[in-house]
């Protein structure tokens, strides 16, 4: 089980780094918004894997808070970017 935990965390870390690259290099604001949304999902996944491995059910509240903040943040950013695009045209 230790190997599975380590491999999972390494893969989540690699995905987080690639998503960070997309966040920095993204050609449009929608790419950056999607990168932030994917980062939130990866963070929730990492916390869930850590919680299951260590047997800590106390992280459930943290999972809910991070997932709600990720959802509200991405919806708000997409709405703001959409409003800016409508003003330009």
N, C-alpha and C. Protein backbone atom coordinates (compact mmCIF):
# COMPACT_ATOMS: atom_id res chain seq x y z
N UNK A 1 0.81 -1.19 0.00
CA UNK A 1 0.00 0.00 0.00
C UNK A 1 0.86 1.26 0.00
N UNK A 2 2.03 1.17 0.58
CA UNK A 2 2.94 2.31 0.60
C UNK A 2 3.35 2.73 -0.81
N UNK A 3 3.60 1.76 -1.66
CA UNK A 3 4.03 2.05 -3.04
C UNK A 3 2.91 2.73 -3.81
N UNK A 4 1.69 2.27 -3.61
CA UNK A 4 0.55 2.87 -4.30
C UNK A 4 0.37 4.32 -3.86
N UNK A 5 0.51 4.58 -2.58
CA UNK A 5 0.39 5.94 -2.06
C UNK A 5 1.46 6.85 -2.66
N UNK A 6 2.69 6.38 -2.69
CA UNK A 6 3.79 7.18 -3.22
C UNK A 6 3.61 7.45 -4.71
N UNK A 7 3.25 6.42 -5.46
CA UNK A 7 3.06 6.58 -6.90
C UNK A 7 1.91 7.55 -7.17
N UNK A 8 0.84 7.42 -6.42
CA UNK A 8 -0.31 8.30 -6.61
C UNK A 8 0.06 9.75 -6.32
N UNK A 9 0.78 9.97 -5.23
CA UNK A 9 1.15 11.34 -4.89
C UNK A 9 2.15 11.92 -5.90
N UNK A 10 3.05 11.09 -6.42
CA UNK A 10 4.00 11.56 -7.44
C UNK A 10 3.24 11.94 -8.72
N UNK A 11 2.28 11.11 -9.12
CA UNK A 11 1.51 11.42 -10.33
C UNK A 11 0.65 12.67 -10.14
N UNK A 12 0.06 12.83 -8.96
CA UNK A 12 -0.71 14.05 -8.70
C UNK A 12 0.19 15.27 -8.69
N UNK A 13 1.40 15.13 -8.14
CA UNK A 13 2.36 16.23 -8.15
C UNK A 13 2.80 16.60 -9.55
N UNK A 14 3.04 15.59 -10.39
CA UNK A 14 3.42 15.85 -11.78
C UNK A 14 2.28 16.55 -12.52
N UNK A 15 1.06 16.11 -12.29
CA UNK A 15 -0.09 16.76 -12.93
C UNK A 15 -0.23 18.19 -12.45
N UNK A 16 0.05 18.42 -11.17
CA UNK A 16 -0.02 19.78 -10.63
C UNK A 16 1.03 20.68 -11.27
N UNK A 17 2.23 20.16 -11.48
CA UNK A 17 3.29 20.95 -12.12
C UNK A 17 2.94 21.26 -13.58
N UNK A 18 2.39 20.29 -14.29
CA UNK A 18 2.00 20.53 -15.68
C UNK A 18 0.86 21.55 -15.75
N UNK A 19 -0.05 21.48 -14.80
CA UNK A 19 -1.15 22.44 -14.76
C UNK A 19 -0.64 23.83 -14.42
N UNK A 20 0.36 23.91 -13.56
CA UNK A 20 0.97 25.20 -13.24
C UNK A 20 1.61 25.81 -14.49
N UNK A 21 2.24 24.96 -15.30
CA UNK A 21 2.82 25.45 -16.56
C UNK A 21 1.74 26.00 -17.48
N UNK A 22 0.59 25.34 -17.53
CA UNK A 22 -0.51 25.83 -18.36
C UNK A 22 -1.07 27.14 -17.79
N UNK A 23 -1.06 27.25 -16.47
CA UNK A 23 -1.55 28.48 -15.84
C UNK A 23 -0.66 29.65 -16.19
N UNK A 24 0.64 29.43 -16.21
CA UNK A 24 1.58 30.51 -16.51
C UNK A 24 1.61 30.82 -18.01
N UNK A 25 1.61 29.77 -18.84
CA UNK A 25 1.76 29.95 -20.29
C UNK A 25 0.46 30.10 -21.04
N UNK A 26 -0.66 29.88 -20.39
CA UNK A 26 -1.94 29.85 -21.10
C UNK A 26 -2.15 31.01 -22.04
N UNK A 27 -2.48 30.75 -23.30
CA UNK A 27 -2.64 31.86 -24.24
C UNK A 27 -3.89 32.69 -23.98
N UNK A 28 -4.89 32.12 -23.34
CA UNK A 28 -6.10 32.90 -23.10
C UNK A 28 -6.49 32.82 -21.62
N UNK A 29 -7.40 33.68 -21.26
CA UNK A 29 -7.85 33.68 -19.86
C UNK A 29 -8.66 32.43 -19.54
N UNK A 30 -9.35 31.87 -20.54
CA UNK A 30 -10.11 30.65 -20.29
C UNK A 30 -9.19 29.47 -20.01
N UNK A 31 -8.02 29.44 -20.65
CA UNK A 31 -7.04 28.40 -20.32
C UNK A 31 -6.58 28.52 -18.88
N UNK A 32 -6.37 29.72 -18.44
CA UNK A 32 -5.94 29.94 -17.05
C UNK A 32 -7.04 29.58 -16.06
N UNK A 33 -8.27 29.89 -16.40
CA UNK A 33 -9.40 29.54 -15.53
C UNK A 33 -9.53 28.02 -15.42
N UNK A 34 -9.39 27.34 -16.55
CA UNK A 34 -9.47 25.88 -16.52
C UNK A 34 -8.31 25.29 -15.73
N UNK A 35 -7.13 25.89 -15.84
CA UNK A 35 -5.98 25.41 -15.08
C UNK A 35 -6.23 25.56 -13.58
N UNK A 36 -6.82 26.66 -13.16
CA UNK A 36 -7.13 26.83 -11.74
C UNK A 36 -8.17 25.81 -11.28
N UNK A 37 -9.13 25.51 -12.13
CA UNK A 37 -10.14 24.51 -11.78
C UNK A 37 -9.51 23.13 -11.66
N UNK A 38 -8.63 22.79 -12.57
CA UNK A 38 -7.94 21.50 -12.51
C UNK A 38 -7.04 21.43 -11.27
N UNK A 39 -6.40 22.54 -10.92
CA UNK A 39 -5.58 22.58 -9.70
C UNK A 39 -6.41 22.31 -8.46
N UNK A 40 -7.61 22.87 -8.42
CA UNK A 40 -8.49 22.62 -7.28
C UNK A 40 -8.87 21.14 -7.21
N UNK A 41 -9.16 20.55 -8.35
CA UNK A 41 -9.50 19.12 -8.37
C UNK A 41 -8.31 18.27 -7.94
N UNK A 42 -7.12 18.62 -8.40
CA UNK A 42 -5.93 17.88 -8.00
C UNK A 42 -5.65 18.02 -6.51
N UNK A 43 -5.88 19.20 -5.97
CA UNK A 43 -5.68 19.41 -4.54
C UNK A 43 -6.67 18.57 -3.73
N UNK A 44 -7.93 18.55 -4.15
CA UNK A 44 -8.93 17.73 -3.46
C UNK A 44 -8.56 16.25 -3.58
N UNK A 45 -8.09 15.83 -4.73
CA UNK A 45 -7.69 14.44 -4.91
C UNK A 45 -6.52 14.08 -4.01
N UNK A 46 -5.55 14.96 -3.91
CA UNK A 46 -4.40 14.71 -3.05
C UNK A 46 -4.79 14.62 -1.58
N UNK A 47 -5.67 15.51 -1.15
CA UNK A 47 -6.14 15.47 0.24
C UNK A 47 -6.92 14.19 0.50
N UNK A 48 -7.75 13.77 -0.47
CA UNK A 48 -8.53 12.54 -0.30
C UNK A 48 -7.63 11.32 -0.21
N UNK A 49 -6.61 11.24 -1.06
CA UNK A 49 -5.68 10.11 -1.02
C UNK A 49 -4.93 10.09 0.31
N UNK A 50 -4.48 11.25 0.75
CA UNK A 50 -3.78 11.34 2.02
C UNK A 50 -4.69 10.92 3.18
N UNK A 51 -5.93 11.37 3.14
CA UNK A 51 -6.88 11.03 4.20
C UNK A 51 -7.17 9.54 4.26
N UNK A 52 -7.33 8.92 3.11
CA UNK A 52 -7.60 7.49 3.08
C UNK A 52 -6.37 6.70 3.53
N UNK A 53 -5.20 7.10 3.11
CA UNK A 53 -3.99 6.36 3.47
C UNK A 53 -3.74 6.41 4.96
N UNK A 54 -3.91 7.56 5.58
CA UNK A 54 -3.64 7.70 7.01
C UNK A 54 -4.85 7.40 7.87
N UNK A 55 -6.01 7.18 7.25
CA UNK A 55 -7.21 6.84 8.02
C UNK A 55 -7.74 7.99 8.85
N UNK A 56 -7.67 9.19 8.31
CA UNK A 56 -8.11 10.39 9.01
C UNK A 56 -9.43 10.90 8.40
N UNK A 57 -10.55 10.60 9.02
CA UNK A 57 -11.82 11.11 8.48
C UNK A 57 -12.02 12.60 8.74
N UNK A 58 -11.16 13.21 9.52
CA UNK A 58 -11.31 14.62 9.85
C UNK A 58 -11.07 15.53 8.64
N UNK A 59 -10.45 15.01 7.60
CA UNK A 59 -10.18 15.82 6.41
C UNK A 59 -11.42 16.01 5.54
N UNK A 60 -12.53 15.38 5.89
CA UNK A 60 -13.74 15.49 5.07
C UNK A 60 -14.22 16.93 4.99
N UNK A 61 -14.16 17.64 6.09
CA UNK A 61 -14.59 19.04 6.08
C UNK A 61 -13.68 19.88 5.19
N UNK A 62 -12.38 19.61 5.26
CA UNK A 62 -11.43 20.32 4.40
C UNK A 62 -11.70 20.03 2.93
N UNK A 63 -12.03 18.79 2.62
CA UNK A 63 -12.36 18.44 1.24
C UNK A 63 -13.57 19.22 0.75
N UNK A 64 -14.57 19.33 1.57
CA UNK A 64 -15.77 20.08 1.18
C UNK A 64 -15.45 21.56 0.97
N UNK A 65 -14.69 22.14 1.86
CA UNK A 65 -14.37 23.57 1.75
C UNK A 65 -13.54 23.85 0.50
N UNK A 66 -12.52 23.04 0.26
CA UNK A 66 -11.66 23.27 -0.91
C UNK A 66 -12.43 23.05 -2.20
N UNK A 67 -13.28 22.04 -2.25
CA UNK A 67 -14.04 21.80 -3.48
C UNK A 67 -15.06 22.91 -3.72
N UNK A 68 -15.69 23.39 -2.67
CA UNK A 68 -16.64 24.50 -2.85
C UNK A 68 -15.93 25.79 -3.28
N UNK A 69 -14.77 26.07 -2.69
CA UNK A 69 -14.01 27.26 -3.09
C UNK A 69 -13.54 27.14 -4.54
N UNK A 70 -13.11 25.95 -4.94
CA UNK A 70 -12.70 25.74 -6.32
C UNK A 70 -13.84 25.95 -7.30
N UNK A 71 -15.01 25.43 -6.95
CA UNK A 71 -16.17 25.58 -7.83
C UNK A 71 -16.60 27.04 -7.93
N UNK A 72 -16.75 27.69 -6.80
CA UNK A 72 -17.20 29.09 -6.80
C UNK A 72 -16.17 29.98 -7.49
N UNK A 73 -14.89 29.71 -7.25
CA UNK A 73 -13.85 30.50 -7.88
C UNK A 73 -13.83 30.36 -9.39
N UNK A 74 -13.97 29.14 -9.88
CA UNK A 74 -13.92 28.94 -11.33
C UNK A 74 -15.17 29.50 -12.00
N UNK A 75 -16.32 29.36 -11.38
CA UNK A 75 -17.54 29.93 -11.95
C UNK A 75 -17.47 31.46 -11.97
N UNK A 76 -16.97 32.04 -10.89
CA UNK A 76 -16.85 33.50 -10.83
C UNK A 76 -15.85 34.02 -11.87
N UNK A 77 -14.72 33.35 -12.00
CA UNK A 77 -13.71 33.78 -12.97
C UNK A 77 -14.22 33.63 -14.39
N UNK A 78 -14.93 32.55 -14.68
CA UNK A 78 -15.47 32.36 -16.02
C UNK A 78 -16.53 33.41 -16.33
N UNK A 79 -17.33 33.72 -15.34
CA UNK A 79 -18.35 34.75 -15.55
C UNK A 79 -17.72 36.12 -15.79
N UNK A 80 -16.68 36.43 -15.03
CA UNK A 80 -15.97 37.69 -15.21
C UNK A 80 -15.30 37.76 -16.58
N UNK A 81 -14.66 36.68 -17.00
CA UNK A 81 -14.02 36.66 -18.31
C UNK A 81 -15.05 36.76 -19.44
N UNK A 82 -16.19 36.12 -19.25
CA UNK A 82 -17.26 36.22 -20.25
C UNK A 82 -17.82 37.63 -20.34
N UNK A 83 -17.93 38.31 -19.22
CA UNK A 83 -18.44 39.68 -19.21
C UNK A 83 -17.44 40.62 -19.88
N UNK A 84 -16.15 40.39 -19.65
CA UNK A 84 -15.14 41.22 -20.30
C UNK A 84 -15.15 41.02 -21.81
N UNK A 85 -15.35 39.77 -22.24
CA UNK A 85 -15.36 39.50 -23.67
C UNK A 85 -16.57 40.15 -24.34
N UNK A 86 -17.72 40.15 -23.66
CA UNK A 86 -18.91 40.77 -24.22
C UNK A 86 -18.73 42.29 -24.37
N UNK A 87 -18.02 42.92 -23.44
CA UNK A 87 -17.81 44.37 -23.52
C UNK A 87 -16.91 44.74 -24.68
N UNK A 88 -15.97 43.87 -25.02
CA UNK A 88 -15.02 44.16 -26.11
C UNK A 88 -15.70 44.13 -27.46
N UNK A 89 -16.69 43.27 -27.64
CA UNK A 89 -17.31 43.13 -28.97
C UNK A 89 -18.49 44.02 -29.14
